Amino acid sequence: MLFIVAALLLLGVLMGTVAHAPLPFTAVAAVAIAVWLGVFALRERHARRRGPSAR
């Protein structure tokens, strides 16, 4: 999953989308996205361990 974030960031730099933003902003945004995806993955893993929901 982190590979995907790194690949998208690199693609953005190469394509010019992120090139106009300052490097510290880009780094903070990349870390924020990585943390968000990590939290999402942990929540999904926890939900699968509990079994199907009762909805």
Protein backbone atom coordinates (compact mmCIF):
# COMPACT_ATOMS: atom_id res chain seq x y z
CA MET A 1 0.00 0.00 0.00
CA LEU A 2 2.84 2.39 0.80
CA PHE A 3 4.34 1.44 -2.55
CA ILE A 4 1.21 2.76 -4.24
CA VAL A 5 1.47 6.06 -2.33
CA ALA A 6 5.13 6.42 -3.29
CA ALA A 7 4.38 5.56 -6.92
CA LEU A 8 1.56 8.11 -7.12
CA LEU A 9 3.74 10.78 -5.53
CA LEU A 10 6.55 10.05 -7.97
CA LEU A 11 4.10 10.10 -10.87
CA GLY A 12 2.74 13.43 -9.66
CA VAL A 13 6.24 14.89 -9.51
CA LEU A 14 7.06 13.61 -12.96
CA MET A 15 3.79 14.86 -14.43
CA GLY A 16 4.09 18.29 -12.79
CA THR A 17 1.09 18.17 -10.47
CA VAL A 18 3.13 18.15 -7.29
CA ALA A 19 6.08 20.01 -8.78
CA HIS A 20 4.41 23.37 -8.18
CA ALA A 21 3.85 22.72 -4.48
CA PRO A 22 6.72 23.23 -2.00
CA LEU A 23 8.58 20.06 -1.03
CA PRO A 24 7.66 20.28 2.71
CA PHE A 25 3.97 20.53 1.79
CA THR A 26 4.30 17.54 -0.53
CA ALA A 27 6.05 15.51 2.17
CA VAL A 28 3.39 16.36 4.76
CA ALA A 29 0.61 15.47 2.32
CA ALA A 30 2.30 12.14 1.49
CA VAL A 31 2.67 11.28 5.18
CA ALA A 32 -0.96 12.24 5.85
CA ILE A 33 -2.17 10.01 3.02
CA ALA A 34 0.03 7.14 4.21
CA VAL A 35 -1.34 7.46 7.77
CA TRP A 36 -4.91 7.62 6.48
CA LEU A 37 -4.41 4.48 4.39
CA GLY A 38 -2.74 2.74 7.35
CA VAL A 39 -5.65 3.53 9.66
CA PHE A 40 -8.10 2.35 7.01
CA ALA A 41 -6.19 -0.93 6.59
CA LEU A 42 -6.12 -1.53 10.34
CA ARG A 43 -9.85 -0.85 10.63
CA GLU A 44 -10.58 -3.23 7.76
CA ARG A 45 -8.37 -5.94 9.27
CA HIS A 46 -10.07 -5.51 12.63
CA ALA A 47 -13.53 -5.68 11.03
CA ARG A 48 -12.66 -8.90 9.19
CA ARG A 49 -11.43 -10.55 12.39
CA ARG A 50 -14.74 -9.79 14.12
CA GLY A 51 -16.69 -11.51 11.40
CA PRO A 52 -19.59 -10.31 9.28
CA SER A 53 -21.52 -7.34 10.59
CA ALA A 54 -25.12 -7.66 11.72
CA ARG A 55 -26.45 -5.02 9.30
